[in-house]
Amino acid sequence: MKQIIRLNVVSILYALFIFVPIELMVNVYRISRLTGWDINTVNKLSVITFFVNIILGTIIIYLLTAKWLGRRRLNYITTILWVPYFILFVYIFVSLFPITNGGDDPNPVTGLIVIGRFFLYPIYILLINLISSIKDDKTTSRN
């Protein structure tokens, strides 16, 4: 039971680490309108947040996967399990903060970028799981 809870917590973090940059990218016009900042400033902050999220998210997820999940085949289910949590986060966000101003709609190209990230993200998760299991192999072989 403990393993399933840890697996779900890691999957929630995976979903959160892709949700935040996507929402920042999609809501550039809304953030600009509400804060009064220039769109270029909001874009720069979104890019900075994206890269910080990639670096810190990778480190946190790698450490949690190596420590909590260890080397089990069940870990690879996180490659798929993050999707329902991502959909839940998007549904909650859209329900709490609906677009009321037509000028807040994102550009059509933004949707293509989101689709690209959505398809590449499972490969990223798979790589983190593989690297953490290799690290686990090296530490168990030394002991």
N, C-alpha and C. Protein backbone atom coordinates (compact mmCIF):
# COMPACT_ATOMS: atom_id res chain seq x y z
N MET A 1 0.83 -1.20 0.00
CA MET A 1 0.00 0.00 0.00
C MET A 1 0.87 1.26 0.00
N LYS A 2 1.95 1.20 0.77
CA LYS A 2 2.86 2.33 0.85
C LYS A 2 3.47 2.64 -0.53
N GLN A 3 3.78 1.58 -1.27
CA GLN A 3 4.35 1.75 -2.61
C GLN A 3 3.37 2.45 -3.55
N ILE A 4 2.10 2.10 -3.48
CA ILE A 4 1.08 2.72 -4.34
C ILE A 4 0.92 4.20 -4.01
N ILE A 5 0.96 4.54 -2.73
CA ILE A 5 0.85 5.94 -2.34
C ILE A 5 2.05 6.73 -2.84
N ARG A 6 3.24 6.16 -2.70
CA ARG A 6 4.44 6.84 -3.19
C ARG A 6 4.40 6.99 -4.70
N LEU A 7 3.93 5.97 -5.37
CA LEU A 7 3.81 6.03 -6.83
C LEU A 7 2.86 7.14 -7.26
N ASN A 8 1.76 7.29 -6.55
CA ASN A 8 0.80 8.35 -6.87
C ASN A 8 1.35 9.73 -6.53
N VAL A 9 2.10 9.85 -5.45
CA VAL A 9 2.69 11.15 -5.09
C VAL A 9 3.70 11.57 -6.16
N VAL A 10 4.52 10.64 -6.61
CA VAL A 10 5.48 10.96 -7.67
C VAL A 10 4.74 11.33 -8.95
N SER A 11 3.67 10.63 -9.27
CA SER A 11 2.89 10.95 -10.47
C SER A 11 2.24 12.32 -10.37
N ILE A 12 1.77 12.67 -9.18
CA ILE A 12 1.20 14.00 -8.97
C ILE A 12 2.27 15.07 -9.18
N LEU A 13 3.48 14.82 -8.70
CA LEU A 13 4.56 15.78 -8.91
C LEU A 13 4.92 15.90 -10.38
N TYR A 14 4.94 14.76 -11.10
CA TYR A 14 5.17 14.82 -12.55
C TYR A 14 4.12 15.70 -13.22
N ALA A 15 2.87 15.51 -12.86
CA ALA A 15 1.80 16.29 -13.46
C ALA A 15 1.93 17.77 -13.09
N LEU A 16 2.31 18.05 -11.88
CA LEU A 16 2.46 19.42 -11.44
C LEU A 16 3.62 20.11 -12.15
N PHE A 17 4.70 19.37 -12.39
CA PHE A 17 5.87 19.96 -13.04
C PHE A 17 5.64 20.25 -14.51
N ILE A 18 4.67 19.65 -15.14
CA ILE A 18 4.35 20.03 -16.52
C ILE A 18 3.17 21.02 -16.54
N PHE A 19 2.31 20.96 -15.53
CA PHE A 19 1.14 21.83 -15.47
C PHE A 19 1.52 23.31 -15.31
N VAL A 20 2.43 23.59 -14.40
CA VAL A 20 2.78 24.99 -14.09
C VAL A 20 3.35 25.72 -15.31
N PRO A 21 4.36 25.17 -16.01
CA PRO A 21 4.87 25.91 -17.18
C PRO A 21 3.85 26.04 -18.30
N ILE A 22 3.03 25.01 -18.48
CA ILE A 22 2.02 25.10 -19.55
C ILE A 22 1.00 26.18 -19.23
N GLU A 23 0.55 26.25 -18.00
CA GLU A 23 -0.43 27.28 -17.64
C GLU A 23 0.17 28.67 -17.71
N LEU A 24 1.43 28.82 -17.34
CA LEU A 24 2.08 30.13 -17.48
C LEU A 24 2.19 30.53 -18.94
N MET A 25 2.49 29.56 -19.80
CA MET A 25 2.62 29.86 -21.23
C MET A 25 1.27 30.19 -21.85
N VAL A 26 0.24 29.48 -21.45
CA VAL A 26 -1.09 29.67 -22.03
C VAL A 26 -1.72 30.97 -21.54
N ASN A 27 -1.42 31.38 -20.34
CA ASN A 27 -2.08 32.54 -19.73
C ASN A 27 -1.21 33.80 -19.73
N VAL A 28 -0.35 33.96 -20.71
CA VAL A 28 0.53 35.13 -20.78
C VAL A 28 -0.30 36.41 -20.86
N TYR A 29 -1.29 36.43 -21.71
CA TYR A 29 -2.10 37.65 -21.87
C TYR A 29 -2.89 37.97 -20.60
N ARG A 30 -3.39 36.96 -19.96
CA ARG A 30 -4.15 37.17 -18.72
C ARG A 30 -3.24 37.70 -17.62
N ILE A 31 -2.06 37.11 -17.47
CA ILE A 31 -1.12 37.57 -16.46
C ILE A 31 -0.70 39.01 -16.74
N SER A 32 -0.46 39.32 -18.00
CA SER A 32 -0.08 40.67 -18.39
C SER A 32 -1.20 41.66 -18.07
N ARG A 33 -2.42 41.28 -18.36
CA ARG A 33 -3.55 42.18 -18.12
C ARG A 33 -3.78 42.39 -16.63
N LEU A 34 -3.69 41.32 -15.85
CA LEU A 34 -3.99 41.43 -14.42
C LEU A 34 -2.88 42.11 -13.63
N THR A 35 -1.63 41.90 -14.02
CA THR A 35 -0.52 42.50 -13.27
C THR A 35 -0.10 43.86 -13.80
N GLY A 36 -0.45 44.14 -15.07
CA GLY A 36 -0.03 45.40 -15.67
C GLY A 36 1.38 45.34 -16.24
N TRP A 37 1.99 44.16 -16.22
CA TRP A 37 3.33 43.99 -16.79
C TRP A 37 3.26 43.92 -18.30
N ASP A 38 4.37 44.25 -18.93
CA ASP A 38 4.50 44.13 -20.37
C ASP A 38 4.51 42.64 -20.75
N ILE A 39 4.03 42.31 -21.94
CA ILE A 39 3.97 40.91 -22.37
C ILE A 39 5.37 40.31 -22.46
N ASN A 40 6.35 41.11 -22.87
CA ASN A 40 7.73 40.60 -22.93
C ASN A 40 8.24 40.21 -21.55
N THR A 41 7.90 40.98 -20.54
CA THR A 41 8.30 40.66 -19.17
C THR A 41 7.66 39.36 -18.72
N VAL A 42 6.39 39.19 -19.01
CA VAL A 42 5.68 37.96 -18.63
C VAL A 42 6.27 36.76 -19.36
N ASN A 43 6.60 36.94 -20.65
CA ASN A 43 7.22 35.85 -21.41
C ASN A 43 8.58 35.47 -20.84
N LYS A 44 9.38 36.47 -20.48
CA LYS A 44 10.69 36.19 -19.90
C LYS A 44 10.56 35.46 -18.57
N LEU A 45 9.63 35.90 -17.74
CA LEU A 45 9.41 35.23 -16.46
C LEU A 45 8.89 33.80 -16.66
N SER A 46 8.07 33.60 -17.68
CA SER A 46 7.58 32.25 -17.98
C SER A 46 8.72 31.34 -18.42
N VAL A 47 9.61 31.86 -19.24
CA VAL A 47 10.76 31.06 -19.70
C VAL A 47 11.69 30.74 -18.53
N ILE A 48 11.95 31.73 -17.69
CA ILE A 48 12.80 31.49 -16.51
C ILE A 48 12.16 30.45 -15.60
N THR A 49 10.87 30.58 -15.37
CA THR A 49 10.16 29.60 -14.55
C THR A 49 10.22 28.21 -15.17
N PHE A 50 10.11 28.15 -16.49
CA PHE A 50 10.18 26.87 -17.19
C PHE A 50 11.53 26.19 -16.96
N PHE A 51 12.62 26.93 -17.11
CA PHE A 51 13.94 26.33 -16.95
C PHE A 51 14.23 25.98 -15.49
N VAL A 52 13.82 26.82 -14.56
CA VAL A 52 13.98 26.50 -13.14
C VAL A 52 13.16 25.25 -12.81
N ASN A 53 11.97 25.17 -13.37
CA ASN A 53 11.11 24.02 -13.14
C ASN A 53 11.74 22.74 -13.69
N ILE A 54 12.35 22.82 -14.86
CA ILE A 54 13.01 21.65 -15.45
C ILE A 54 14.17 21.20 -14.56
N ILE A 55 15.00 22.13 -14.13
CA ILE A 55 16.18 21.77 -13.35
C ILE A 55 15.79 21.25 -11.98
N LEU A 56 15.02 22.03 -11.22
CA LEU A 56 14.63 21.61 -9.88
C LEU A 56 13.69 20.40 -9.91
N GLY A 57 12.78 20.39 -10.88
CA GLY A 57 11.86 19.26 -10.99
C GLY A 57 12.58 17.96 -11.29
N THR A 58 13.56 18.02 -12.17
CA THR A 58 14.33 16.82 -12.49
C THR A 58 15.09 16.31 -11.27
N ILE A 59 15.71 17.22 -10.54
CA ILE A 59 16.46 16.82 -9.35
C ILE A 59 15.53 16.22 -8.30
N ILE A 60 14.42 16.89 -8.03
CA ILE A 60 13.48 16.41 -7.01
C ILE A 60 12.89 15.06 -7.41
N ILE A 61 12.43 14.96 -8.63
CA ILE A 61 11.81 13.70 -9.08
C ILE A 61 12.84 12.57 -9.12
N TYR A 62 14.04 12.87 -9.56
CA TYR A 62 15.10 11.85 -9.60
C TYR A 62 15.37 11.31 -8.19
N LEU A 63 15.54 12.23 -7.24
CA LEU A 63 15.82 11.80 -5.87
C LEU A 63 14.66 11.02 -5.27
N LEU A 64 13.44 11.50 -5.50
CA LEU A 64 12.27 10.77 -4.97
C LEU A 64 12.11 9.41 -5.62
N THR A 65 12.34 9.33 -6.92
CA THR A 65 12.20 8.05 -7.61
C THR A 65 13.27 7.07 -7.12
N ALA A 66 14.47 7.54 -6.96
CA ALA A 66 15.55 6.66 -6.50
C ALA A 66 15.33 6.23 -5.05
N LYS A 67 14.88 7.16 -4.21
CA LYS A 67 14.74 6.85 -2.78
C LYS A 67 13.43 6.11 -2.47
N TRP A 68 12.32 6.63 -2.95
CA TRP A 68 11.02 6.07 -2.60
C TRP A 68 10.67 4.83 -3.41
N LEU A 69 10.85 4.91 -4.70
CA LEU A 69 10.34 3.84 -5.56
C LEU A 69 11.35 2.73 -5.80
N GLY A 70 12.63 3.05 -5.71
CA GLY A 70 13.65 2.03 -5.91
C GLY A 70 13.64 1.48 -7.32
N ARG A 71 13.96 0.19 -7.42
CA ARG A 71 14.04 -0.45 -8.74
C ARG A 71 12.94 -1.49 -8.87
N ARG A 72 11.81 -1.04 -9.36
CA ARG A 72 10.66 -1.93 -9.57
C ARG A 72 10.06 -1.65 -10.93
N ARG A 73 9.50 -2.64 -11.51
CA ARG A 73 8.86 -2.44 -12.81
C ARG A 73 7.60 -1.60 -12.68
N LEU A 74 7.02 -1.59 -11.51
CA LEU A 74 5.81 -0.80 -11.28
C LEU A 74 6.08 0.69 -11.43
N ASN A 75 7.34 1.11 -11.28
CA ASN A 75 7.69 2.53 -11.40
C ASN A 75 7.40 3.09 -12.78
N TYR A 76 7.46 2.24 -13.78
CA TYR A 76 7.27 2.72 -15.14
C TYR A 76 5.81 3.08 -15.43
N ILE A 77 4.92 2.76 -14.53
CA ILE A 77 3.52 3.16 -14.70
C ILE A 77 3.37 4.68 -14.52
N THR A 78 4.36 5.32 -13.91
CA THR A 78 4.31 6.78 -13.78
C THR A 78 4.37 7.46 -15.14
N THR A 79 4.86 6.72 -16.15
CA THR A 79 4.90 7.26 -17.50
C THR A 79 3.50 7.57 -18.02
N ILE A 80 2.51 6.87 -17.49
CA ILE A 80 1.12 7.06 -17.90
C ILE A 80 0.28 7.68 -16.78
N LEU A 81 0.62 7.38 -15.54
CA LEU A 81 -0.22 7.76 -14.40
C LEU A 81 -0.27 9.27 -14.17
N TRP A 82 0.67 10.04 -14.70
CA TRP A 82 0.63 11.48 -14.51
C TRP A 82 -0.51 12.14 -15.31
N VAL A 83 -0.97 11.48 -16.37
CA VAL A 83 -1.97 12.07 -17.27
C VAL A 83 -3.29 12.37 -16.55
N PRO A 84 -3.87 11.43 -15.77
CA PRO A 84 -5.12 11.78 -15.08
C PRO A 84 -4.96 12.93 -14.09
N TYR A 85 -3.81 12.98 -13.43
CA TYR A 85 -3.59 14.09 -12.50
C TYR A 85 -3.44 15.41 -13.24
N PHE A 86 -2.79 15.39 -14.38
CA PHE A 86 -2.66 16.60 -15.20
C PHE A 86 -4.04 17.08 -15.64
N ILE A 87 -4.87 16.16 -16.11
CA ILE A 87 -6.22 16.51 -16.54
C ILE A 87 -7.02 17.08 -15.36
N LEU A 88 -6.84 16.49 -14.19
CA LEU A 88 -7.52 16.99 -12.99
C LEU A 88 -7.05 18.41 -12.65
N PHE A 89 -5.75 18.66 -12.72
CA PHE A 89 -5.23 20.01 -12.45
C PHE A 89 -5.78 21.02 -13.44
N VAL A 90 -5.81 20.66 -14.71
CA VAL A 90 -6.33 21.57 -15.73
C VAL A 90 -7.81 21.83 -15.50
N TYR A 91 -8.57 20.79 -15.19
CA TYR A 91 -10.01 20.96 -14.94
C TYR A 91 -10.25 21.88 -13.75
N ILE A 92 -9.51 21.68 -12.67
CA ILE A 92 -9.67 22.53 -11.49
C ILE A 92 -9.30 23.97 -11.81
N PHE A 93 -8.20 24.17 -12.54
CA PHE A 93 -7.76 25.53 -12.88
C PHE A 93 -8.77 26.23 -13.77
N VAL A 94 -9.26 25.50 -14.77
CA VAL A 94 -10.23 26.11 -15.69
C VAL A 94 -11.55 26.40 -14.98
N SER A 95 -11.92 25.56 -14.03
CA SER A 95 -13.15 25.79 -13.28
C SER A 95 -13.03 26.99 -12.34
N LEU A 96 -11.86 27.12 -11.72
CA LEU A 96 -11.67 28.22 -10.78
C LEU A 96 -11.39 29.55 -11.47
N PHE A 97 -10.70 29.52 -12.61
CA PHE A 97 -10.29 30.74 -13.31
C PHE A 97 -10.71 30.68 -14.78
N PRO A 98 -12.00 30.81 -15.06
CA PRO A 98 -12.43 30.76 -16.47
C PRO A 98 -11.99 32.02 -17.22
N ILE A 99 -11.85 31.87 -18.52
CA ILE A 99 -11.50 33.02 -19.36
C ILE A 99 -12.76 33.85 -19.58
N THR A 100 -12.76 35.04 -19.02
CA THR A 100 -13.92 35.93 -19.15
C THR A 100 -13.67 37.04 -20.16
N ASN A 101 -12.42 37.27 -20.49
CA ASN A 101 -12.05 38.31 -21.44
C ASN A 101 -11.56 37.62 -22.71
N GLY A 102 -12.11 37.97 -23.85
CA GLY A 102 -11.72 37.36 -25.11
C GLY A 102 -10.28 37.59 -25.49
N GLY A 103 -9.69 38.65 -24.98
CA GLY A 103 -8.29 38.94 -25.26
C GLY A 103 -7.33 38.03 -24.52
N ASP A 104 -7.83 37.23 -23.59
CA ASP A 104 -6.98 36.33 -22.82
C ASP A 104 -6.76 34.99 -23.51
N ASP A 105 -7.43 34.76 -24.64
CA ASP A 105 -7.25 33.49 -25.35
C ASP A 105 -5.81 33.37 -25.84
N PRO A 106 -5.21 32.18 -25.69
CA PRO A 106 -3.83 32.01 -26.15
C PRO A 106 -3.73 31.95 -27.67
N ASN A 107 -2.54 32.13 -28.19
CA ASN A 107 -2.30 32.02 -29.62
C ASN A 107 -2.50 30.57 -30.07
N PRO A 108 -2.85 30.36 -31.34
CA PRO A 108 -3.01 28.98 -31.83
C PRO A 108 -1.71 28.17 -31.78
N VAL A 109 -0.58 28.81 -31.94
CA VAL A 109 0.70 28.11 -31.91
C VAL A 109 0.98 27.55 -30.51
N THR A 110 0.44 28.20 -29.50
CA THR A 110 0.63 27.72 -28.14
C THR A 110 0.08 26.31 -27.98
N GLY A 111 -1.02 26.02 -28.62
CA GLY A 111 -1.59 24.68 -28.57
C GLY A 111 -0.66 23.64 -29.17
N LEU A 112 0.03 23.99 -30.25
CA LEU A 112 0.99 23.06 -30.85
C LEU A 112 2.16 22.79 -29.92
N ILE A 113 2.62 23.82 -29.24
CA ILE A 113 3.72 23.65 -28.29
C ILE A 113 3.27 22.76 -27.13
N VAL A 114 2.06 22.96 -26.65
CA VAL A 114 1.53 22.13 -25.56
C VAL A 114 1.41 20.67 -26.00
N ILE A 115 0.93 20.44 -27.22
CA ILE A 115 0.82 19.08 -27.73
C ILE A 115 2.20 18.43 -27.83
N GLY A 116 3.19 19.18 -28.31
CA GLY A 116 4.55 18.66 -28.39
C GLY A 116 5.10 18.29 -27.02
N ARG A 117 4.91 19.17 -26.04
CA ARG A 117 5.36 18.87 -24.68
C ARG A 117 4.63 17.65 -24.12
N PHE A 118 3.35 17.57 -24.42
CA PHE A 118 2.54 16.47 -23.89
C PHE A 118 3.01 15.12 -24.44
N PHE A 119 3.48 15.09 -25.68
CA PHE A 119 3.96 13.83 -26.26
C PHE A 119 5.41 13.52 -25.87
N LEU A 120 6.23 14.53 -25.61
CA LEU A 120 7.61 14.30 -25.23
C LEU A 120 7.79 14.03 -23.73
N TYR A 121 6.84 14.44 -22.93
CA TYR A 121 6.96 14.31 -21.48
C TYR A 121 7.06 12.86 -21.01
N PRO A 122 6.30 11.91 -21.58
CA PRO A 122 6.49 10.52 -21.15
C PRO A 122 7.89 9.98 -21.41
N ILE A 123 8.54 10.45 -22.47
CA ILE A 123 9.93 10.04 -22.73
C ILE A 123 10.85 10.58 -21.64
N TYR A 124 10.61 11.81 -21.22
CA TYR A 124 11.36 12.41 -20.12
C TYR A 124 11.17 11.60 -18.84
N ILE A 125 9.94 11.22 -18.55
CA ILE A 125 9.66 10.43 -17.35
C ILE A 125 10.34 9.07 -17.43
N LEU A 126 10.28 8.45 -18.59
CA LEU A 126 10.92 7.15 -18.79
C LEU A 126 12.43 7.25 -18.58
N LEU A 127 13.04 8.31 -19.08
CA LEU A 127 14.48 8.50 -18.89
C LEU A 127 14.84 8.68 -17.42
N ILE A 128 14.05 9.43 -16.69
CA ILE A 128 14.31 9.60 -15.26
C ILE A 128 14.19 8.26 -14.54
N ASN A 129 13.18 7.47 -14.88
CA ASN A 129 13.03 6.15 -14.26
C ASN A 129 14.20 5.24 -14.59
N LEU A 130 14.65 5.27 -15.85
CA LEU A 130 15.79 4.44 -16.24
C LEU A 130 17.06 4.85 -15.52
N ILE A 131 17.32 6.15 -15.47
CA ILE A 131 18.54 6.63 -14.81
C ILE A 131 18.50 6.34 -13.32
N SER A 132 17.36 6.50 -12.69
CA SER A 132 17.28 6.21 -11.25
C SER A 132 17.43 4.72 -10.99
N SER A 133 16.98 3.86 -11.89
CA SER A 133 17.17 2.41 -11.69
C SER A 133 18.62 2.02 -11.95
N ILE A 134 19.30 2.69 -12.87
CA ILE A 134 20.72 2.43 -13.10
C ILE A 134 21.53 2.85 -11.88
N LYS A 135 21.19 3.98 -11.33
CA LYS A 135 21.85 4.46 -10.11
C LYS A 135 21.63 3.47 -8.99
N ASP A 136 20.42 2.93 -8.90
CA ASP A 136 20.10 1.95 -7.87
C ASP A 136 20.90 0.67 -8.09
N ASP A 137 21.11 0.27 -9.34
CA ASP A 137 21.92 -0.91 -9.64
C ASP A 137 23.35 -0.72 -9.17
N LYS A 138 23.92 0.45 -9.40
CA LYS A 138 25.30 0.72 -9.02
C LYS A 138 25.47 0.73 -7.51
N THR A 139 24.49 1.29 -6.80
CA THR A 139 24.62 1.35 -5.34
C THR A 139 24.42 -0.02 -4.70
N THR A 140 23.55 -0.85 -5.28
CA THR A 140 23.35 -2.19 -4.71
C THR A 140 24.50 -3.12 -5.06
N SER A 141 25.19 -2.91 -6.17
CA SER A 141 26.31 -3.78 -6.54
C SER A 141 27.54 -3.47 -5.70
N ARG A 142 27.68 -2.26 -5.19
CA ARG A 142 28.82 -1.90 -4.34
C ARG A 142 28.68 -2.46 -2.93
N ASN A 143 27.46 -2.62 -2.49
CA ASN A 143 27.24 -3.09 -1.11
C ASN A 143 27.45 -4.55 -0.96
